[in-house]
Structure formats: C-alpha cells, structure tokens
Amino acid sequence: MDALSVMSIRVDKRTDSAPRVQEILTKHGDMIIGRFGIHDPGEVDHGLITLNIRGDMNKINDMMGQLNDLQGVKTNHMQA
C-alpha cells in the first residue's frame, strides 16, 4: 500500500548539486504530490526542499538512495 509521507532534502553548495537533484526528483515525480523549496543565499548557499509524497517504501528508498549518493545532499523521511 502506498503511504503518505514527508521527505526533506538538504542540498549543500546548491549550485553544484541542484541540476542532478532536479533530475532525480523529475524521475520520481509520480510520487511527489507537493513540493516546497527555499535556499539560503548566504556564504554557504544551502538549499532545503520539503516533499509531500505518496508511494511504496521501495520506491521511496530508491529515490532517497539516489539523492544521498550525491555529494552534499542529505535526506530525511517521516511516514505519517
């Protein structure tokens, strides 16, 4: 059964990682039902993306693994 959950994605050095993060999110876009993104334009240029997703845990874990494999990207997940 598909679960409704929330995922956060922190992207360090946003300008270096953002294109690949976007590719992964687009690939798994069928699970994303809401997205909110902000960036800190300060010295380090961090970004934070919050996703509302619906999908089975295998697909969610696959997306998280792909994101976590990127340098400077860290995910957290919470199932409702």
N, C-alpha and C. Protein backbone atom coordinates (compact mmCIF):
# COMPACT_ATOMS: atom_id res chain seq x y z
N MET A 1 0.84 -1.19 0.00
CA MET A 1 0.00 0.00 0.00
C MET A 1 0.88 1.25 0.00
N ASP A 2 0.50 2.22 -0.78
CA ASP A 2 1.23 3.49 -0.83
C ASP A 2 0.97 4.28 0.44
N ALA A 3 2.05 4.84 0.97
CA ALA A 3 1.95 5.61 2.21
C ALA A 3 2.15 7.09 1.91
N LEU A 4 1.46 7.92 2.67
CA LEU A 4 1.65 9.36 2.59
C LEU A 4 2.76 9.72 3.56
N SER A 5 3.75 10.48 3.09
CA SER A 5 4.89 10.80 3.94
C SER A 5 5.51 12.12 3.54
N VAL A 6 6.50 12.53 4.34
CA VAL A 6 7.21 13.79 4.12
C VAL A 6 8.70 13.48 4.02
N MET A 7 9.36 14.11 3.06
CA MET A 7 10.80 13.96 2.91
C MET A 7 11.42 15.34 2.87
N SER A 8 12.53 15.49 3.57
CA SER A 8 13.30 16.72 3.47
C SER A 8 14.62 16.41 2.79
N ILE A 9 15.07 17.34 1.99
CA ILE A 9 16.32 17.19 1.25
C ILE A 9 17.14 18.45 1.49
N ARG A 10 18.30 18.29 2.10
CA ARG A 10 19.21 19.42 2.29
C ARG A 10 20.29 19.32 1.23
N VAL A 11 20.50 20.41 0.54
CA VAL A 11 21.49 20.47 -0.53
C VAL A 11 22.54 21.51 -0.17
N ASP A 12 23.77 21.07 0.07
CA ASP A 12 24.88 21.99 0.32
C ASP A 12 25.47 22.39 -1.02
N LYS A 13 26.00 23.58 -1.09
CA LYS A 13 26.55 24.10 -2.35
C LYS A 13 25.55 23.88 -3.47
N ARG A 14 24.40 24.47 -3.27
CA ARG A 14 23.23 24.26 -4.12
C ARG A 14 23.53 24.36 -5.61
N THR A 15 24.37 25.28 -5.99
CA THR A 15 24.61 25.47 -7.42
C THR A 15 25.35 24.28 -8.03
N ASP A 16 26.13 23.53 -7.24
CA ASP A 16 26.83 22.36 -7.76
C ASP A 16 25.91 21.15 -7.89
N SER A 17 24.99 20.95 -6.95
CA SER A 17 24.19 19.73 -6.89
C SER A 17 22.78 19.87 -7.47
N ALA A 18 22.29 21.07 -7.58
CA ALA A 18 20.89 21.29 -7.94
C ALA A 18 20.45 20.61 -9.24
N PRO A 19 21.23 20.65 -10.31
CA PRO A 19 20.75 20.01 -11.54
C PRO A 19 20.52 18.50 -11.40
N ARG A 20 21.41 17.82 -10.71
CA ARG A 20 21.26 16.36 -10.54
C ARG A 20 20.10 16.04 -9.59
N VAL A 21 19.94 16.85 -8.52
CA VAL A 21 18.80 16.66 -7.63
C VAL A 21 17.51 16.81 -8.42
N GLN A 22 17.43 17.82 -9.27
CA GLN A 22 16.23 18.03 -10.07
C GLN A 22 15.95 16.86 -11.00
N GLU A 23 16.98 16.28 -11.60
CA GLU A 23 16.80 15.10 -12.46
C GLU A 23 16.18 13.95 -11.69
N ILE A 24 16.66 13.70 -10.49
CA ILE A 24 16.15 12.60 -9.67
C ILE A 24 14.71 12.87 -9.26
N LEU A 25 14.40 14.10 -8.86
CA LEU A 25 13.03 14.42 -8.48
C LEU A 25 12.08 14.29 -9.67
N THR A 26 12.53 14.69 -10.84
CA THR A 26 11.70 14.55 -12.04
C THR A 26 11.46 13.08 -12.36
N LYS A 27 12.49 12.26 -12.23
CA LYS A 27 12.37 10.82 -12.48
C LYS A 27 11.33 10.18 -11.57
N HIS A 28 11.24 10.66 -10.34
CA HIS A 28 10.31 10.10 -9.36
C HIS A 28 9.10 11.00 -9.14
N GLY A 29 8.82 11.86 -10.10
CA GLY A 29 7.76 12.85 -9.97
C GLY A 29 6.38 12.28 -9.77
N ASP A 30 6.16 11.02 -10.16
CA ASP A 30 4.84 10.42 -9.99
C ASP A 30 4.48 10.24 -8.51
N MET A 31 5.47 10.25 -7.62
CA MET A 31 5.21 10.10 -6.18
C MET A 31 5.04 11.45 -5.49
N ILE A 32 5.49 12.53 -6.09
CA ILE A 32 5.51 13.83 -5.43
C ILE A 32 4.16 14.52 -5.61
N ILE A 33 3.50 14.80 -4.48
CA ILE A 33 2.21 15.48 -4.56
C ILE A 33 2.29 16.93 -4.09
N GLY A 34 3.42 17.30 -3.50
CA GLY A 34 3.65 18.68 -3.09
C GLY A 34 5.13 18.92 -2.88
N ARG A 35 5.57 20.13 -3.19
CA ARG A 35 7.00 20.45 -3.08
C ARG A 35 7.15 21.90 -2.66
N PHE A 36 8.08 22.13 -1.71
CA PHE A 36 8.39 23.48 -1.26
C PHE A 36 9.90 23.58 -1.15
N GLY A 37 10.48 24.57 -1.76
CA GLY A 37 11.93 24.72 -1.72
C GLY A 37 12.34 26.12 -1.34
N ILE A 38 13.38 26.21 -0.52
CA ILE A 38 13.95 27.50 -0.15
C ILE A 38 15.47 27.39 -0.22
N HIS A 39 16.13 28.50 -0.38
CA HIS A 39 17.59 28.48 -0.35
C HIS A 39 18.10 29.63 0.51
N ASP A 40 19.26 29.40 1.08
CA ASP A 40 19.93 30.41 1.89
C ASP A 40 21.06 30.98 1.04
N PRO A 41 20.90 32.19 0.54
CA PRO A 41 21.91 32.75 -0.37
C PRO A 41 23.15 33.26 0.35
N GLY A 42 23.32 32.88 1.61
CA GLY A 42 24.47 33.32 2.38
C GLY A 42 25.76 32.71 1.88
N GLU A 43 26.75 32.74 2.71
CA GLU A 43 28.10 32.33 2.36
C GLU A 43 28.18 30.89 1.84
N VAL A 44 27.39 29.97 2.40
CA VAL A 44 27.49 28.55 2.04
C VAL A 44 26.50 28.17 0.95
N ASP A 45 25.40 28.89 0.79
CA ASP A 45 24.41 28.63 -0.24
C ASP A 45 23.77 27.25 -0.10
N HIS A 46 23.13 27.01 1.04
CA HIS A 46 22.39 25.77 1.27
C HIS A 46 20.98 25.90 0.69
N GLY A 47 20.41 24.77 0.34
CA GLY A 47 19.02 24.72 -0.07
C GLY A 47 18.29 23.65 0.72
N LEU A 48 16.99 23.84 0.92
CA LEU A 48 16.16 22.86 1.60
C LEU A 48 14.90 22.66 0.79
N ILE A 49 14.62 21.40 0.47
CA ILE A 49 13.42 21.03 -0.27
C ILE A 49 12.60 20.12 0.63
N THR A 50 11.31 20.42 0.75
CA THR A 50 10.39 19.57 1.50
C THR A 50 9.38 18.99 0.51
N LEU A 51 9.23 17.66 0.54
CA LEU A 51 8.31 16.98 -0.36
C LEU A 51 7.20 16.29 0.41
N ASN A 52 5.99 16.38 -0.08
CA ASN A 52 4.89 15.51 0.35
C ASN A 52 4.80 14.44 -0.73
N ILE A 53 4.93 13.19 -0.31
CA ILE A 53 4.98 12.11 -1.30
C ILE A 53 4.00 10.99 -0.94
N ARG A 54 3.60 10.27 -1.97
CA ARG A 54 2.78 9.07 -1.80
C ARG A 54 3.41 8.00 -2.68
N GLY A 55 3.86 6.93 -2.02
CA GLY A 55 4.47 5.84 -2.77
C GLY A 55 4.82 4.70 -1.84
N ASP A 56 5.16 3.55 -2.43
CA ASP A 56 5.56 2.44 -1.57
C ASP A 56 7.00 2.64 -1.11
N MET A 57 7.34 2.02 -0.01
CA MET A 57 8.64 2.25 0.63
C MET A 57 9.81 1.86 -0.26
N ASN A 58 9.65 0.87 -1.13
CA ASN A 58 10.74 0.50 -2.04
C ASN A 58 11.08 1.66 -2.97
N LYS A 59 10.06 2.31 -3.53
CA LYS A 59 10.29 3.44 -4.43
C LYS A 59 10.85 4.65 -3.67
N ILE A 60 10.33 4.87 -2.46
CA ILE A 60 10.81 5.98 -1.65
C ILE A 60 12.28 5.77 -1.29
N ASN A 61 12.62 4.56 -0.85
CA ASN A 61 14.00 4.25 -0.51
C ASN A 61 14.93 4.36 -1.71
N ASP A 62 14.44 3.99 -2.89
CA ASP A 62 15.23 4.12 -4.11
C ASP A 62 15.56 5.59 -4.38
N MET A 63 14.56 6.46 -4.28
CA MET A 63 14.78 7.87 -4.51
C MET A 63 15.73 8.45 -3.46
N MET A 64 15.53 8.08 -2.19
CA MET A 64 16.41 8.57 -1.13
C MET A 64 17.85 8.12 -1.35
N GLY A 65 18.03 6.87 -1.78
CA GLY A 65 19.37 6.36 -2.03
C GLY A 65 20.07 7.13 -3.14
N GLN A 66 19.34 7.41 -4.22
CA GLN A 66 19.93 8.17 -5.32
C GLN A 66 20.32 9.57 -4.87
N LEU A 67 19.47 10.20 -4.07
CA LEU A 67 19.78 11.54 -3.58
C LEU A 67 20.95 11.53 -2.61
N ASN A 68 20.95 10.58 -1.68
CA ASN A 68 22.02 10.51 -0.69
C ASN A 68 23.37 10.16 -1.30
N ASP A 69 23.37 9.55 -2.48
CA ASP A 69 24.62 9.23 -3.16
C ASP A 69 25.31 10.48 -3.72
N LEU A 70 24.58 11.58 -3.82
CA LEU A 70 25.15 12.82 -4.34
C LEU A 70 25.94 13.53 -3.26
N GLN A 71 27.07 14.06 -3.63
CA GLN A 71 27.89 14.81 -2.68
C GLN A 71 27.15 16.05 -2.21
N GLY A 72 27.10 16.25 -0.90
CA GLY A 72 26.46 17.44 -0.34
C GLY A 72 24.96 17.36 -0.21
N VAL A 73 24.37 16.16 -0.41
CA VAL A 73 22.91 16.00 -0.31
C VAL A 73 22.60 15.03 0.82
N LYS A 74 21.63 15.40 1.65
CA LYS A 74 21.22 14.56 2.77
C LYS A 74 19.70 14.57 2.84
N THR A 75 19.10 13.39 3.01
CA THR A 75 17.64 13.30 3.10
C THR A 75 17.20 12.78 4.46
N ASN A 76 15.99 13.15 4.82
CA ASN A 76 15.29 12.60 5.98
C ASN A 76 13.88 12.27 5.54
N HIS A 77 13.28 11.25 6.17
CA HIS A 77 11.96 10.80 5.76
C HIS A 77 11.12 10.53 6.99
N MET A 78 9.84 10.90 6.93
CA MET A 78 8.92 10.64 8.01
C MET A 78 7.61 10.17 7.41
N GLN A 79 7.16 9.01 7.85
CA GLN A 79 5.91 8.46 7.36
C GLN A 79 4.80 8.87 8.30
N ALA A 80 3.67 9.31 7.72
CA ALA A 80 2.52 9.75 8.53
C ALA A 80 1.73 8.58 9.03
